[in-house]
Amino acid sequence: MGVTRPVDTVIARETPVTQLPGYVLRRAHVGEHEAGLLLDKGHAERVCATPGTHRVLVLDDLVPGILLDRRSFARVRASPFTVTLDHNGLPTADNECVLLQATLTVAVVDAARFVQTFGASATASQVAERLVEETWDRLQAKVLGYSQQDLCHSRQLAQEMAGFLTGPEGCLRHLETWGLRCVGITPVVCLPKRKLEAVLERLGEALAQRGILSPDEMDDLLEDLPEGEDAKRALAEVMDEFLEEQED
């Protein structure tokens, strides 16, 4: 079950202060199209918004109780980047499923809020995963009102779904509270998915990423499986393939 993944875009990267150049006076370089943050136990206490070398720790900072090893420096990408939101296995009105895919162009507009939400070491795929989680329930309720045929073939409906995601009252209307702003969206794409295929893909992804499934996750997946021996056989094949890969 090999999956080739594209190179992930790094949005934020963290360096312990102890690894920055200098001794008492620490220095950190902030590049073009970046913002820098001095963090104390993950909380931003200083923002370095301009490119260049910044003093991020001086003698006056070393007061009793403040330890170097709890401080770090984060560099956060300030230029726009793309995230692809894959909502896989959304049920439709005719008891089918769709994969709804939306590609957004977003930019970090508040580095401190971004780090507070996504952490000081974050990639575009991690941002996408969080946005899928945040939008799943509302989008699922929306998609449930349409047939698979309409969702996959109606341009007007695709535009409506894009607005439902990024419009003023859309699923992502609170994006700026996470330090992000949406600056563009490509046309939403809906692809038909057989219900069994969608469920097994979810199972495969979970197995590949975590190595195991929790009992609750397995129960949820089994509840979604159609009745019959074909479904059980397909599930067994996925499990066998995964176990063989683990033994190699």
Protein backbone atom coordinates (compact mmCIF):
# COMPACT_ATOMS: atom_id res chain seq x y z
CA MET A 1 0.00 0.00 0.00
CA GLY A 2 2.73 2.43 -0.98
CA VAL A 3 1.72 6.06 -1.33
CA THR A 4 3.98 8.63 -2.97
CA ARG A 5 3.51 12.00 -1.33
CA PRO A 6 4.70 15.33 -2.71
CA VAL A 7 7.28 17.31 -0.79
CA ASP A 8 5.49 19.10 2.03
CA THR A 9 5.81 22.87 2.36
CA VAL A 10 7.25 24.01 5.69
CA ILE A 11 5.23 26.91 7.10
CA ALA A 12 6.81 27.23 10.54
CA ARG A 13 10.05 25.85 11.94
CA GLU A 14 11.33 26.08 15.49
CA THR A 15 14.87 26.35 16.84
CA PRO A 16 15.76 26.16 20.56
CA VAL A 17 17.41 29.37 21.76
CA THR A 18 20.34 27.28 22.97
CA GLN A 19 21.10 26.41 19.34
CA LEU A 20 21.18 30.04 18.12
CA PRO A 21 24.56 31.78 17.61
CA GLY A 22 25.94 33.68 20.57
CA TYR A 23 26.23 33.15 24.30
CA VAL A 24 24.26 35.63 26.42
CA LEU A 25 23.40 37.68 23.36
CA ARG A 26 21.60 35.33 20.98
CA ARG A 27 21.01 36.18 17.34
CA ALA A 28 18.45 34.87 14.87
CA HIS A 29 18.16 35.60 11.18
CA VAL A 30 14.74 36.29 9.66
CA GLY A 31 14.63 35.85 5.89
CA GLU A 32 12.62 37.60 3.22
CA HIS A 33 8.92 36.73 3.38
CA GLU A 34 9.27 35.46 6.94
CA ALA A 35 8.27 36.56 10.42
CA GLY A 36 10.20 35.63 13.54
CA LEU A 37 8.85 34.87 17.00
CA LEU A 38 10.66 34.52 20.30
CA LEU A 39 8.68 31.91 22.21
CA ASP A 40 8.56 31.20 25.91
CA LYS A 41 7.13 27.70 26.43
CA GLY A 42 5.36 28.02 23.09
CA HIS A 43 3.85 31.46 23.74
CA ALA A 44 5.00 34.41 21.63
CA GLU A 45 6.65 37.13 23.69
CA ARG A 46 8.41 39.03 20.91
CA VAL A 47 7.72 39.44 17.18
CA CYS A 48 10.50 40.09 14.65
CA ALA A 49 8.56 41.23 11.62
CA THR A 50 11.36 42.62 9.44
CA PRO A 51 14.04 40.63 7.57
CA GLY A 52 17.56 40.61 8.96
CA THR A 53 19.42 39.56 12.08
CA HIS A 54 17.66 40.11 15.40
CA ARG A 55 18.86 39.98 18.99
CA VAL A 56 16.46 37.60 20.60
CA LEU A 57 18.02 37.16 24.03
CA VAL A 58 20.08 39.66 26.03
CA LEU A 59 21.51 39.73 29.57
CA ASP A 60 18.45 41.58 30.94
CA ASP A 61 16.31 38.61 29.92
CA LEU A 62 18.20 36.25 32.19
CA VAL A 63 16.30 36.93 35.39
CA PRO A 64 15.80 34.30 38.11
CA GLY A 65 13.35 31.60 37.04
CA ILE A 66 13.78 32.18 33.30
CA LEU A 67 15.62 29.27 31.70
CA LEU A 68 17.13 29.15 28.24
CA ASP A 69 15.83 25.66 27.56
CA ARG A 70 12.20 26.76 27.70
CA ARG A 71 12.68 29.42 25.03
CA SER A 72 12.78 28.94 21.29
CA PHE A 73 12.70 30.96 18.09
CA ALA A 74 10.20 30.26 15.32
CA ARG A 75 10.40 31.38 11.71
CA VAL A 76 7.01 31.55 10.02
CA ARG A 77 6.43 31.79 6.29
CA ALA A 78 4.75 35.07 5.34
CA SER A 79 4.25 34.45 1.60
CA PRO A 80 1.09 32.69 0.33
CA PHE A 81 0.98 28.91 0.07
CA THR A 82 -1.54 26.33 -1.10
CA VAL A 83 -3.41 23.74 0.91
CA THR A 84 -5.57 21.01 -0.59
CA LEU A 85 -8.58 19.99 1.46
CA ASP A 86 -9.69 16.43 0.71
CA HIS A 87 -13.09 15.66 2.21
CA ASN A 88 -13.19 11.97 1.35
CA GLY A 89 -16.32 9.89 1.78
CA LEU A 90 -18.97 12.58 2.26
CA PRO A 91 -22.43 10.92 2.07
CA THR A 92 -24.94 12.24 -0.47
CA ALA A 93 -28.72 12.38 -0.64
CA ASP A 94 -28.90 9.24 -2.83
CA ASN A 95 -26.87 7.15 -0.36
CA GLU A 96 -23.65 7.43 -2.37
CA CYS A 97 -20.39 9.21 -1.49
CA VAL A 98 -18.17 11.89 -2.97
CA LEU A 99 -14.64 13.11 -2.57
CA LEU A 100 -14.89 16.90 -2.35
CA GLN A 101 -11.57 18.58 -3.03
CA ALA A 102 -10.81 22.28 -2.64
CA THR A 103 -7.42 23.92 -3.14
CA LEU A 104 -6.99 27.17 -1.22
CA THR A 105 -4.26 29.77 -1.39
CA VAL A 106 -3.72 31.12 2.11
CA ALA A 107 -1.24 33.43 3.82
CA VAL A 108 -0.15 33.87 7.42
CA VAL A 109 -1.25 37.34 8.54
CA ASP A 110 -0.59 36.90 12.28
CA ALA A 111 2.40 34.71 13.06
CA ALA A 112 1.66 34.57 16.80
CA ARG A 113 -1.90 33.34 16.27
CA PHE A 114 -0.74 30.85 13.66
CA VAL A 115 1.82 29.33 16.03
CA GLN A 116 -0.72 29.26 18.84
CA THR A 117 -3.11 27.31 16.59
CA PHE A 118 -0.84 25.06 14.53
CA GLY A 119 2.36 24.96 16.59
CA ALA A 120 5.85 26.32 15.98
CA SER A 121 6.76 23.47 13.63
CA ALA A 122 4.03 23.14 11.01
CA THR A 123 3.66 22.10 7.38
CA ALA A 124 1.04 22.79 4.72
CA SER A 125 -0.37 19.26 5.02
CA GLN A 126 -0.84 19.71 8.78
CA VAL A 127 -2.68 22.98 8.14
CA ALA A 128 -4.86 21.18 5.57
CA GLU A 129 -5.68 18.38 8.01
CA ARG A 130 -6.79 20.89 10.63
CA LEU A 131 -8.95 22.77 8.13
CA VAL A 132 -10.61 19.54 6.99
CA GLU A 133 -11.42 18.72 10.61
CA GLU A 134 -12.87 22.19 11.16
CA THR A 135 -15.06 22.11 8.05
CA TRP A 136 -16.11 18.46 7.95
CA ASP A 137 -19.37 18.58 9.92
CA ARG A 138 -20.88 21.63 8.20
CA LEU A 139 -19.79 20.46 4.77
CA GLN A 140 -21.16 16.98 5.41
CA ALA A 141 -24.55 18.45 6.29
CA LYS A 142 -24.46 20.60 3.14
CA VAL A 143 -23.48 17.77 0.78
CA LEU A 144 -26.18 15.51 2.22
CA GLY A 145 -28.79 17.71 0.53
CA TYR A 146 -27.63 16.84 -3.01
CA SER A 147 -27.26 13.76 -5.17
CA GLN A 148 -23.88 12.43 -6.23
CA GLN A 149 -24.76 13.20 -9.86
CA ASP A 150 -25.50 16.87 -9.13
CA LEU A 151 -22.42 17.35 -7.01
CA CYS A 152 -20.08 15.84 -9.60
CA HIS A 153 -21.50 17.55 -12.71
CA SER A 154 -22.99 20.92 -11.73
CA ARG A 155 -20.62 23.89 -12.11
CA GLN A 156 -23.09 26.12 -10.31
CA LEU A 157 -23.11 23.76 -7.34
CA ALA A 158 -19.30 23.65 -7.35
CA GLN A 159 -19.24 27.45 -7.10
CA GLU A 160 -21.80 27.28 -4.31
CA MET A 161 -19.61 24.85 -2.40
CA ALA A 162 -16.60 27.14 -2.80
CA GLY A 163 -18.61 30.01 -1.33
CA PHE A 164 -19.85 27.75 1.43
CA LEU A 165 -16.23 27.13 2.40
CA THR A 166 -14.72 30.60 2.10
CA GLY A 167 -17.63 33.07 1.98
CA PRO A 168 -18.42 35.61 4.73
CA GLU A 169 -20.63 33.05 6.49
CA GLY A 170 -18.70 30.03 5.25
CA CYS A 171 -17.05 27.16 7.11
CA LEU A 172 -13.74 29.04 7.19
CA ARG A 173 -15.09 32.44 8.22
CA HIS A 174 -12.99 32.32 11.40
CA LEU A 175 -9.74 31.66 9.51
CA GLU A 176 -8.12 34.91 10.67
CA THR A 177 -8.54 33.93 14.31
CA TRP A 178 -5.96 31.25 13.48
CA GLY A 179 -3.62 33.79 11.91
CA LEU A 180 -4.54 32.90 8.31
CA ARG A 181 -6.30 34.62 5.43
CA CYS A 182 -7.68 32.97 2.30
CA VAL A 183 -6.49 34.82 -0.80
CA GLY A 184 -7.83 32.44 -3.44
CA ILE A 185 -9.63 29.18 -4.14
CA THR A 186 -9.64 26.98 -7.23
CA PRO A 187 -12.95 25.48 -8.44
CA VAL A 188 -14.20 22.83 -6.05
CA VAL A 189 -14.03 19.33 -7.52
CA CYS A 190 -16.40 16.51 -6.57
CA LEU A 191 -15.55 12.95 -7.58
CA PRO A 192 -17.87 9.97 -7.20
CA LYS A 193 -16.82 7.41 -4.62
CA ARG A 194 -18.44 4.08 -3.96
CA LYS A 195 -19.31 3.88 -0.30
CA LEU A 196 -17.20 0.78 0.32
CA GLU A 197 -14.25 2.28 -1.56
CA ALA A 198 -14.41 5.47 0.51
CA VAL A 199 -14.58 3.57 3.81
CA LEU A 200 -11.68 1.30 2.89
CA GLU A 201 -9.58 4.28 1.86
CA ARG A 202 -10.18 5.83 5.27
CA LEU A 203 -9.12 2.56 6.86
CA GLY A 204 -6.01 2.33 4.71
CA GLU A 205 -4.98 5.90 5.47
CA ALA A 206 -5.40 5.37 9.20
CA LEU A 207 -3.43 2.13 9.14
CA ALA A 208 -0.63 3.66 7.09
CA GLN A 209 -0.34 6.77 9.24
CA ARG A 210 -0.73 5.29 12.72
CA GLY A 211 0.04 1.62 12.37
CA ILE A 212 -3.03 0.71 14.46
CA LEU A 213 -6.66 1.68 14.84
CA SER A 214 -8.31 2.45 18.13
CA PRO A 215 -11.41 0.37 18.96
CA ASP A 216 -13.66 3.38 18.46
CA GLU A 217 -12.19 4.11 15.03
CA MET A 218 -12.59 0.49 13.96
CA ASP A 219 -16.20 0.43 15.19
CA ASP A 220 -16.99 3.58 13.21
CA LEU A 221 -15.50 2.10 10.04
CA LEU A 222 -17.29 -1.22 10.42
CA GLU A 223 -20.60 0.54 10.96
CA ASP A 224 -20.16 2.31 7.62
CA LEU A 225 -19.43 -0.90 5.70
CA PRO A 226 -22.29 -2.28 3.58
CA GLU A 227 -23.61 -5.69 4.53
CA GLY A 228 -22.42 -8.79 2.70
CA GLU A 229 -19.44 -11.02 2.11
CA ASP A 230 -17.93 -8.75 -0.57
CA ALA A 231 -17.39 -5.98 1.99
CA LYS A 232 -15.88 -8.38 4.50
CA ARG A 233 -13.58 -9.84 1.85
CA ALA A 234 -12.39 -6.39 0.75
CA LEU A 235 -11.72 -5.39 4.35
CA ALA A 236 -9.77 -8.60 4.93
CA GLU A 237 -7.63 -7.93 1.85
CA VAL A 238 -6.71 -4.47 3.11
CA MET A 239 -5.80 -5.85 6.53
CA ASP A 240 -3.69 -8.67 5.02
CA GLU A 241 -1.79 -6.24 2.80
CA PHE A 242 -1.06 -3.98 5.75
CA LEU A 243 0.16 -6.85 7.93
CA GLU A 244 2.44 -8.11 5.14
CA GLU A 245 4.01 -4.69 4.81
CA GLN A 246 4.61 -4.54 8.57
CA GLU A 247 6.46 -7.87 8.45
CA ASP A 248 8.80 -6.79 5.59
